[in-house]
């Protein structure tokens, strides 16, 4: 066994730093998780939020916002393009 006189403040600072960084890592992970509730280690997740986040990373859109500005009149419009005439 070591004696208390062998212990210095730099070792105490390292111990406090490691413990606090571990606590911060757990807090960050819990804030980023999509869990609704945690009970006895079991996590109820909202899968739709996970899918929306993956879709946002891949395409830049989640697809969850409603489409506005589309009326039935403009819905059936067809775009007809005429080729340009070259001189």
PDB file of N, CA and C in Angstrom:
ATOM      1  N   UNK A   1       0.838  -1.179   0.000  1.00  0.00           N
ATOM      2  CA  UNK A   1       0.000   0.000   0.000  1.00  0.00           C
ATOM      3  C   UNK A   1       0.888   1.249   0.000  1.00  0.00           C
ATOM      4  N   UNK A   2       0.421   2.252  -0.688  1.00  0.00           N
ATOM      5  CA  UNK A   2       1.175   3.504  -0.699  1.00  0.00           C
ATOM      6  C   UNK A   2       0.695   4.391   0.423  1.00  0.00           C
ATOM      7  N   UNK A   3       1.520   5.304   0.781  1.00  0.00           N
ATOM      8  CA  UNK A   3       1.159   6.231   1.845  1.00  0.00           C
ATOM      9  C   UNK A   3       0.565   7.492   1.247  1.00  0.00           C
ATOM     10  N   UNK A   4      -0.113   8.240   2.055  1.00  0.00           N
ATOM     11  CA  UNK A   4      -0.741   9.476   1.604  1.00  0.00           C
ATOM     12  C   UNK A   4       0.309  10.512   1.213  1.00  0.00           C
ATOM     13  N   UNK A   5       1.469  10.423   1.743  1.00  0.00           N
ATOM     14  CA  UNK A   5       2.523  11.389   1.418  1.00  0.00           C
ATOM     15  C   UNK A   5       3.035  11.190  -0.013  1.00  0.00           C
ATOM     16  N   UNK A   6       2.819  10.004  -0.594  1.00  0.00           N
ATOM     17  CA  UNK A   6       3.225   9.755  -1.979  1.00  0.00           C
ATOM     18  C   UNK A   6       2.248  10.369  -2.985  1.00  0.00           C
ATOM     19  N   UNK A   7       1.109  10.796  -2.532  1.00  0.00           N
ATOM     20  CA  UNK A   7       0.057  11.346  -3.376  1.00  0.00           C
ATOM     21  C   UNK A   7       0.272  12.854  -3.538  1.00  0.00           C
ATOM     22  N   UNK A   8       0.180  13.382  -4.787  1.00  0.00           N
ATOM     23  CA  UNK A   8       0.352  14.822  -4.978  1.00  0.00           C
ATOM     24  C   UNK A   8      -0.867  15.406  -5.698  1.00  0.00           C
ATOM     25  N   UNK A   9      -0.896  16.712  -5.790  1.00  0.00           N
ATOM     26  CA  UNK A   9      -2.068  17.391  -6.346  1.00  0.00           C
ATOM     27  C   UNK A   9      -2.207  17.196  -7.849  1.00  0.00           C
ATOM     28  N   UNK A  10      -1.131  16.954  -8.564  1.00  0.00           N
ATOM     29  CA  UNK A  10      -1.242  16.735 -10.003  1.00  0.00           C
ATOM     30  C   UNK A  10      -1.982  15.432 -10.296  1.00  0.00           C
ATOM     31  N   UNK A  11      -1.771  14.419  -9.479  1.00  0.00           N
ATOM     32  CA  UNK A  11      -2.512  13.167  -9.640  1.00  0.00           C
ATOM     33  C   UNK A  11      -3.991  13.359  -9.330  1.00  0.00           C
ATOM     34  N   UNK A  12      -4.287  14.176  -8.329  1.00  0.00           N
ATOM     35  CA  UNK A  12      -5.682  14.487  -8.010  1.00  0.00           C
ATOM     36  C   UNK A  12      -6.339  15.235  -9.166  1.00  0.00           C
ATOM     37  N   UNK A  13      -5.615  16.161  -9.781  1.00  0.00           N
ATOM     38  CA  UNK A  13      -6.153  16.903 -10.926  1.00  0.00           C
ATOM     39  C   UNK A  13      -6.426  15.999 -12.114  1.00  0.00           C
ATOM     40  N   UNK A  14      -5.526  15.050 -12.350  1.00  0.00           N
ATOM     41  CA  UNK A  14      -5.737  14.101 -13.444  1.00  0.00           C
ATOM     42  C   UNK A  14      -6.967  13.241 -13.169  1.00  0.00           C
ATOM     43  N   UNK A  15      -7.107  12.777 -11.939  1.00  0.00           N
ATOM     44  CA  UNK A  15      -8.265  11.947 -11.566  1.00  0.00           C
ATOM     45  C   UNK A  15      -9.571  12.719 -11.747  1.00  0.00           C
ATOM     46  N   UNK A  16      -9.612  13.959 -11.293  1.00  0.00           N
ATOM     47  CA  UNK A  16     -10.826  14.777 -11.427  1.00  0.00           C
ATOM     48  C   UNK A  16     -11.116  15.060 -12.895  1.00  0.00           C
ATOM     49  N   UNK A  17     -10.087  15.316 -13.687  1.00  0.00           N
ATOM     50  CA  UNK A  17     -10.278  15.563 -15.117  1.00  0.00           C
ATOM     51  C   UNK A  17     -10.833  14.355 -15.846  1.00  0.00           C
ATOM     52  N   UNK A  18     -10.319  13.175 -15.541  1.00  0.00           N
ATOM     53  CA  UNK A  18     -10.797  11.959 -16.193  1.00  0.00           C
ATOM     54  C   UNK A  18     -12.239  11.666 -15.797  1.00  0.00           C
ATOM     55  N   UNK A  19     -12.554  11.804 -14.518  1.00  0.00           N
ATOM     56  CA  UNK A  19     -13.930  11.546 -14.055  1.00  0.00           C
ATOM     57  C   UNK A  19     -14.915  12.547 -14.647  1.00  0.00           C
ATOM     58  N   UNK A  20     -14.549  13.810 -14.703  1.00  0.00           N
ATOM     59  CA  UNK A  20     -15.462  14.816 -15.241  1.00  0.00           C
ATOM     60  C   UNK A  20     -15.646  14.653 -16.750  1.00  0.00           C
ATOM     61  N   UNK A  21     -14.591  14.280 -17.459  1.00  0.00           N
ATOM     62  CA  UNK A  21     -14.743  14.074 -18.900  1.00  0.00           C
ATOM     63  C   UNK A  21     -15.607  12.856 -19.190  1.00  0.00           C
ATOM     64  N   UNK A  22     -15.536  11.823 -18.352  1.00  0.00           N
ATOM     65  CA  UNK A  22     -16.411  10.664 -18.524  1.00  0.00           C
ATOM     66  C   UNK A  22     -17.869  11.048 -18.287  1.00  0.00           C
ATOM     67  N   UNK A  23     -18.119  11.872 -17.280  1.00  0.00           N
ATOM     68  CA  UNK A  23     -19.490  12.338 -17.009  1.00  0.00           C
ATOM     69  C   UNK A  23     -20.015  13.194 -18.155  1.00  0.00           C
ATOM     70  N   UNK A  24     -19.190  14.052 -18.699  1.00  0.00           N
ATOM     71  CA  UNK A  24     -19.599  14.902 -19.819  1.00  0.00           C
ATOM     72  C   UNK A  24     -19.902  14.055 -21.043  1.00  0.00           C
ATOM     73  N   UNK A  25     -19.108  13.023 -21.283  1.00  0.00           N
ATOM     74  CA  UNK A  25     -19.358  12.138 -22.430  1.00  0.00           C
ATOM     75  C   UNK A  25     -20.704  11.431 -22.303  1.00  0.00           C
ATOM     76  N   UNK A  26     -21.045  10.994 -21.095  1.00  0.00           N
ATOM     77  CA  UNK A  26     -22.341  10.344 -20.876  1.00  0.00           C
ATOM     78  C   UNK A  26     -23.477  11.340 -21.074  1.00  0.00           C
ATOM     79  N   UNK A  27     -23.318  12.562 -20.602  1.00  0.00           N
ATOM     80  CA  UNK A  27     -24.357  13.578 -20.775  1.00  0.00           C
ATOM     81  C   UNK A  27     -24.560  13.938 -22.247  1.00  0.00           C
ATOM     82  N   UNK A  28     -23.485  14.071 -22.997  1.00  0.00           N
ATOM     83  CA  UNK A  28     -23.595  14.388 -24.425  1.00  0.00           C
ATOM     84  C   UNK A  28     -24.279  13.257 -25.177  1.00  0.00           C
ATOM     85  N   UNK A  29     -23.918  12.026 -24.851  1.00  0.00           N
ATOM     86  CA  UNK A  29     -24.533  10.877 -25.516  1.00  0.00           C
ATOM     87  C   UNK A  29     -26.025  10.797 -25.201  1.00  0.00           C
ATOM     88  N   UNK A  30     -26.405  11.116 -23.973  1.00  0.00           N
ATOM     89  CA  UNK A  30     -27.824  11.061 -23.626  1.00  0.00           C
ATOM     90  C   UNK A  30     -28.607  12.198 -24.282  1.00  0.00           C
ATOM     91  N   UNK A  31     -27.979  13.342 -24.505  1.00  0.00           N
ATOM     92  CA  UNK A  31     -28.664  14.452 -25.166  1.00  0.00           C
ATOM     93  C   UNK A  31     -28.845  14.185 -26.655  1.00  0.00           C
ATOM     94  N   UNK A  32     -27.898  13.488 -27.278  1.00  0.00           N
ATOM     95  CA  UNK A  32     -27.988  13.210 -28.703  1.00  0.00           C
ATOM     96  C   UNK A  32     -28.874  12.016 -29.023  1.00  0.00           C
ATOM     97  N   UNK A  33     -29.183  11.200 -28.029  1.00  0.00           N
ATOM     98  CA  UNK A  33     -29.957   9.988 -28.292  1.00  0.00           C
ATOM     99  C   UNK A  33     -31.410  10.351 -28.593  1.00  0.00           C
ATOM    100  N   UNK A  34     -32.082   9.482 -29.291  1.00  0.00           N
ATOM    101  CA  UNK A  34     -33.478   9.702 -29.660  1.00  0.00           C
ATOM    102  C   UNK A  34     -34.421   8.900 -28.754  1.00  0.00           C
ATOM    103  N   UNK A  35     -33.988   8.623 -27.521  1.00  0.00           N
ATOM    104  CA  UNK A  35     -34.785   7.807 -26.612  1.00  0.00           C
ATOM    105  C   UNK A  35     -35.897   8.652 -25.986  1.00  0.00           C
ATOM    106  N   UNK A  36     -37.088   8.063 -25.925  1.00  0.00           N
ATOM    107  CA  UNK A  36     -38.196   8.726 -25.240  1.00  0.00           C
ATOM    108  C   UNK A  36     -38.103   8.495 -23.741  1.00  0.00           C
ATOM    109  N   UNK A  37     -37.791   7.254 -23.359  1.00  0.00           N
ATOM    110  CA  UNK A  37     -37.680   6.933 -21.939  1.00  0.00           C
ATOM    111  C   UNK A  37     -36.689   5.797 -21.762  1.00  0.00           C
ATOM    112  N   UNK A  38     -36.072   5.786 -20.593  1.00  0.00           N
ATOM    113  CA  UNK A  38     -35.127   4.728 -20.254  1.00  0.00           C
ATOM    114  C   UNK A  38     -35.575   4.141 -18.924  1.00  0.00           C
ATOM    115  N   UNK A  39     -35.765   2.825 -18.900  1.00  0.00           N
ATOM    116  CA  UNK A  39     -36.215   2.164 -17.686  1.00  0.00           C
ATOM    117  C   UNK A  39     -35.432   0.867 -17.523  1.00  0.00           C
ATOM    118  N   UNK A  40     -34.638   0.758 -16.487  1.00  0.00           N
ATOM    119  CA  UNK A  40     -33.834  -0.432 -16.188  1.00  0.00           C
ATOM    120  C   UNK A  40     -32.953  -0.824 -17.373  1.00  0.00           C
ATOM    121  N   UNK A  41     -32.359   0.139 -18.004  1.00  0.00           N
ATOM    122  CA  UNK A  41     -31.456  -0.133 -19.112  1.00  0.00           C
ATOM    123  C   UNK A  41     -32.144  -0.329 -20.451  1.00  0.00           C
ATOM    124  N   UNK A  42     -33.462  -0.361 -20.479  1.00  0.00           N
ATOM    125  CA  UNK A  42     -34.205  -0.523 -21.730  1.00  0.00           C
ATOM    126  C   UNK A  42     -34.568   0.864 -22.255  1.00  0.00           C
ATOM    127  N   UNK A  43     -34.302   1.093 -23.509  1.00  0.00           N
ATOM    128  CA  UNK A  43     -34.514   2.401 -24.116  1.00  0.00           C
ATOM    129  C   UNK A  43     -35.607   2.301 -25.168  1.00  0.00           C
ATOM    130  N   UNK A  44     -36.624   3.137 -25.061  1.00  0.00           N
ATOM    131  CA  UNK A  44     -37.665   3.213 -26.088  1.00  0.00           C
ATOM    132  C   UNK A  44     -37.270   4.326 -27.049  1.00  0.00           C
ATOM    133  N   UNK A  45     -36.999   3.952 -28.296  1.00  0.00           N
ATOM    134  CA  UNK A  45     -36.523   4.908 -29.287  1.00  0.00           C
ATOM    135  C   UNK A  45     -37.628   5.287 -30.248  1.00  0.00           C
ATOM    136  N   UNK A  46     -37.533   6.506 -30.775  1.00  0.00           N
ATOM    137  CA  UNK A  46     -38.420   6.938 -31.853  1.00  0.00           C
ATOM    138  C   UNK A  46     -37.681   6.728 -33.153  1.00  0.00           C
ATOM    139  N   UNK A  47     -38.034   5.677 -33.841  1.00  0.00           N
ATOM    140  CA  UNK A  47     -37.338   5.279 -35.056  1.00  0.00           C
ATOM    141  C   UNK A  47     -37.545   6.311 -36.164  1.00  0.00           C
ATOM    142  N   UNK A  48     -38.704   6.967 -36.184  1.00  0.00           N
ATOM    143  CA  UNK A  48     -38.952   7.953 -37.238  1.00  0.00           C
ATOM    144  C   UNK A  48     -37.974   9.123 -37.159  1.00  0.00           C
ATOM    145  N   UNK A  49     -37.546   9.485 -35.957  1.00  0.00           N
ATOM    146  CA  UNK A  49     -36.566  10.564 -35.825  1.00  0.00           C
ATOM    147  C   UNK A  49     -35.184  10.129 -36.310  1.00  0.00           C
ATOM    148  N   UNK A  50     -34.841   8.879 -36.084  1.00  0.00           N
ATOM    149  CA  UNK A  50     -33.551   8.369 -36.559  1.00  0.00           C
ATOM    150  C   UNK A  50     -33.535   8.336 -38.079  1.00  0.00           C
ATOM    151  N   UNK A  51     -34.635   7.882 -38.675  1.00  0.00           N
ATOM    152  CA  UNK A  51     -34.728   7.838 -40.138  1.00  0.00           C
ATOM    153  C   UNK A  51     -34.689   9.244 -40.717  1.00  0.00           C
ATOM    154  N   UNK A  52     -35.381  10.186 -40.066  1.00  0.00           N
ATOM    155  CA  UNK A  52     -35.381  11.571 -40.545  1.00  0.00           C
ATOM    156  C   UNK A  52     -33.981  12.179 -40.479  1.00  0.00           C
ATOM    157  N   UNK A  53     -33.227  11.863 -39.420  1.00  0.00           N
ATOM    158  CA  UNK A  53     -31.874  12.405 -39.313  1.00  0.00           C
ATOM    159  C   UNK A  53     -30.961  11.817 -40.392  1.00  0.00           C
ATOM    160  N   UNK A  54     -31.103  10.529 -40.668  1.00  0.00           N
ATOM    161  CA  UNK A  54     -30.294   9.916 -41.727  1.00  0.00           C
ATOM    162  C   UNK A  54     -30.662  10.489 -43.094  1.00  0.00           C
ATOM    163  N   UNK A  55     -31.947  10.724 -43.321  1.00  0.00           N
ATOM    164  CA  UNK A  55     -32.395  11.308 -44.588  1.00  0.00           C
ATOM    165  C   UNK A  55     -31.869  12.733 -44.728  1.00  0.00           C
ATOM    166  N   UNK A  56     -31.831  13.473 -43.613  1.00  0.00           N
ATOM    167  CA  UNK A  56     -31.318  14.842 -43.636  1.00  0.00           C
ATOM    168  C   UNK A  56     -29.833  14.860 -43.983  1.00  0.00           C
ATOM    169  N   UNK A  57     -29.060  13.904 -43.450  1.00  0.00           N
ATOM    170  CA  UNK A  57     -27.640  13.841 -43.766  1.00  0.00           C
ATOM    171  C   UNK A  57     -27.412  13.473 -45.228  1.00  0.00           C
ATOM    172  N   UNK A  58     -28.255  12.599 -45.790  1.00  0.00           N
ATOM    173  CA  UNK A  58     -28.046  12.132 -47.159  1.00  0.00           C
ATOM    174  C   UNK A  58     -28.544  13.129 -48.201  1.00  0.00           C
ATOM    175  N   UNK A  59     -29.730  13.710 -47.982  1.00  0.00           N
ATOM    176  CA  UNK A  59     -30.342  14.536 -49.014  1.00  0.00           C
ATOM    177  C   UNK A  59     -30.438  16.012 -48.653  1.00  0.00           C
ATOM    178  N   UNK A  60     -30.315  16.340 -47.380  1.00  0.00           N
ATOM    179  CA  UNK A  60     -30.467  17.730 -46.969  1.00  0.00           C
ATOM    180  C   UNK A  60     -31.894  18.076 -46.604  1.00  0.00           C
ATOM    181  N   UNK A  61     -32.814  17.120 -46.720  1.00  0.00           N
ATOM    182  CA  UNK A  61     -34.220  17.328 -46.369  1.00  0.00           C
ATOM    183  C   UNK A  61     -34.694  16.136 -45.550  1.00  0.00           C
ATOM    184  N   UNK A  62     -35.618  16.404 -44.617  1.00  0.00           N
ATOM    185  CA  UNK A  62     -36.155  15.299 -43.826  1.00  0.00           C
ATOM    186  C   UNK A  62     -37.421  14.733 -44.423  1.00  0.00           C
ATOM    187  N   UNK A  63     -38.167  15.553 -45.156  1.00  0.00           N
ATOM    188  CA  UNK A  63     -39.418  15.090 -45.728  1.00  0.00           C
ATOM    189  C   UNK A  63     -40.572  15.152 -44.750  1.00  0.00           C
ATOM    190  N   UNK A  64     -40.365  15.750 -43.570  1.00  0.00           N
ATOM    191  CA  UNK A  64     -41.416  15.804 -42.561  1.00  0.00           C
ATOM    192  C   UNK A  64     -42.255  17.077 -42.649  1.00  0.00           C
ATOM    193  N   UNK A  65     -41.720  18.122 -43.278  1.00  0.00           N
ATOM    194  CA  UNK A  65     -42.469  19.372 -43.344  1.00  0.00           C
ATOM    195  C   UNK A  65     -43.530  19.269 -44.437  1.00  0.00           C
ATOM    196  N   UNK A  66     -44.714  19.834 -44.169  1.00  0.00           N
ATOM    197  CA  UNK A  66     -45.781  19.747 -45.178  1.00  0.00           C
ATOM    198  C   UNK A  66     -45.473  20.623 -46.377  1.00  0.00           C
ATOM    199  N   UNK A  67     -45.895  20.175 -47.531  1.00  0.00           N
ATOM    200  CA  UNK A  67     -45.695  20.944 -48.755  1.00  0.00           C
ATOM    201  C   UNK A  67     -46.791  22.002 -48.836  1.00  0.00           C
ATOM    202  N   UNK A  68     -46.397  23.239 -49.006  1.00  0.00           N
ATOM    203  CA  UNK A  68     -47.356  24.330 -49.101  1.00  0.00           C
ATOM    204  C   UNK A  68     -47.258  24.971 -50.470  1.00  0.00           C
ATOM    205  N   UNK A  69     -48.294  25.666 -50.853  1.00  0.00           N
ATOM    206  CA  UNK A  69     -48.274  26.400 -52.101  1.00  0.00           C
ATOM    207  C   UNK A  69     -48.650  25.570 -53.314  1.00  0.00           C
ATOM    208  N   UNK A  70     -49.009  24.329 -53.152  1.00  0.00           N
ATOM    209  CA  UNK A  70     -49.407  23.504 -54.284  1.00  0.00           C
ATOM    210  C   UNK A  70     -50.932  23.421 -54.279  1.00  0.00           C
ATOM    211  N   UNK A  71     -51.530  24.071 -55.246  1.00  0.00           N
ATOM    212  CA  UNK A  71     -52.984  24.021 -55.356  1.00  0.00           C
ATOM    213  C   UNK A  71     -53.368  22.982 -56.405  1.00  0.00           C
ATOM    214  N   UNK A  72     -54.612  22.541 -56.405  1.00  0.00           N
ATOM    215  CA  UNK A  72     -55.020  21.551 -57.414  1.00  0.00           C
ATOM    216  C   UNK A  72     -54.870  22.067 -58.843  1.00  0.00           C
ATOM    217  N   UNK A  73     -54.964  23.393 -59.042  1.00  0.00           N
ATOM    218  CA  UNK A  73     -54.827  23.948 -60.385  1.00  0.00           C
ATOM    219  C   UNK A  73     -53.402  23.833 -60.893  1.00  0.00           C
ATOM    220  N   UNK A  74     -52.440  24.118 -60.031  1.00  0.00           N
ATOM    221  CA  UNK A  74     -51.046  24.088 -60.468  1.00  0.00           C
ATOM    222  C   UNK A  74     -50.457  22.682 -60.410  1.00  0.00           C
ATOM    223  N   UNK A  75     -51.166  21.774 -59.820  1.00  0.00           N
ATOM    224  CA  UNK A  75     -50.661  20.417 -59.685  1.00  0.00           C
ATOM    225  C   UNK A  75     -50.598  19.691 -61.028  1.00  0.00           C
ATOM    226  N   UNK A  76     -51.544  19.967 -61.917  1.00  0.00           N
ATOM    227  CA  UNK A  76     -51.631  19.245 -63.184  1.00  0.00           C
ATOM    228  C   UNK A  76     -50.986  19.989 -64.355  1.00  0.00           C
ATOM    229  N   UNK A  77     -50.215  21.013 -64.085  1.00  0.00           N
ATOM    230  CA  UNK A  77     -49.557  21.745 -65.163  1.00  0.00           C
ATOM    231  C   UNK A  77     -48.433  20.912 -65.752  1.00  0.00           C
ATOM    232  N   UNK A  78     -48.281  21.012 -67.062  1.00  0.00           N
ATOM    233  CA  UNK A  78     -47.209  20.299 -67.738  1.00  0.00           C
ATOM    234  C   UNK A  78     -46.241  21.316 -68.325  1.00  0.00           C
ATOM    235  N   UNK A  79     -45.000  21.035 -68.238  1.00  0.00           N
ATOM    236  CA  UNK A  79     -43.969  21.902 -68.764  1.00  0.00           C
ATOM    237  C   UNK A  79     -43.598  21.439 -70.166  1.00  0.00           C
ATOM    238  N   UNK A  80     -43.827  22.326 -71.129  1.00  0.00           N
ATOM    239  CA  UNK A  80     -43.497  21.992 -72.517  1.00  0.00           C
ATOM    240  C   UNK A  80     -42.380  22.910 -72.974  1.00  0.00           C
ATOM    241  N   UNK A  81     -41.268  22.332 -73.332  1.00  0.00           N
ATOM    242  CA  UNK A  81     -40.115  23.109 -73.766  1.00  0.00           C
ATOM    243  C   UNK A  81     -39.940  22.974 -75.260  1.00  0.00           C
ATOM    244  N   UNK A  82     -39.658  24.098 -75.902  1.00  0.00           N
ATOM    245  CA  UNK A  82     -39.388  24.084 -77.325  1.00  0.00           C
ATOM    246  C   UNK A  82     -37.893  24.149 -77.537  1.00  0.00           C
ATOM    247  N   UNK A  83     -37.371  23.387 -78.442  1.00  0.00           N
ATOM    248  CA  UNK A  83     -35.918  23.438 -78.664  1.00  0.00           C
ATOM    249  C   UNK A  83     -35.500  24.774 -79.244  1.00  0.00           C
ATOM    250  N   UNK A  84     -34.319  25.219 -78.874  1.00  0.00           N
ATOM    251  CA  UNK A  84     -33.809  26.475 -79.385  1.00  0.00           C
ATOM    252  C   UNK A  84     -33.282  26.289 -80.805  1.00  0.00           C
ATOM    253  N   UNK A  85     -33.515  27.292 -81.610  1.00  0.00           N
ATOM    254  CA  UNK A  85     -33.055  27.237 -82.998  1.00  0.00           C
ATOM    255  C   UNK A  85     -31.650  27.843 -83.057  1.00  0.00           C
ATOM    256  N   UNK A  86     -30.716  27.104 -83.622  1.00  0.00           N
ATOM    257  CA  UNK A  86     -29.366  27.609 -83.740  1.00  0.00           C
ATOM    258  C   UNK A  86     -29.202  28.303 -85.080  1.00  0.00           C
ATOM    259  N   UNK A  87     -28.522  29.433 -85.082  1.00  0.00           N
ATOM    260  CA  UNK A  87     -28.301  30.196 -86.324  1.00  0.00           C
ATOM    261  C   UNK A  87     -27.077  29.749 -87.035  1.00  0.00           C
TER     262      UNK A  87
END
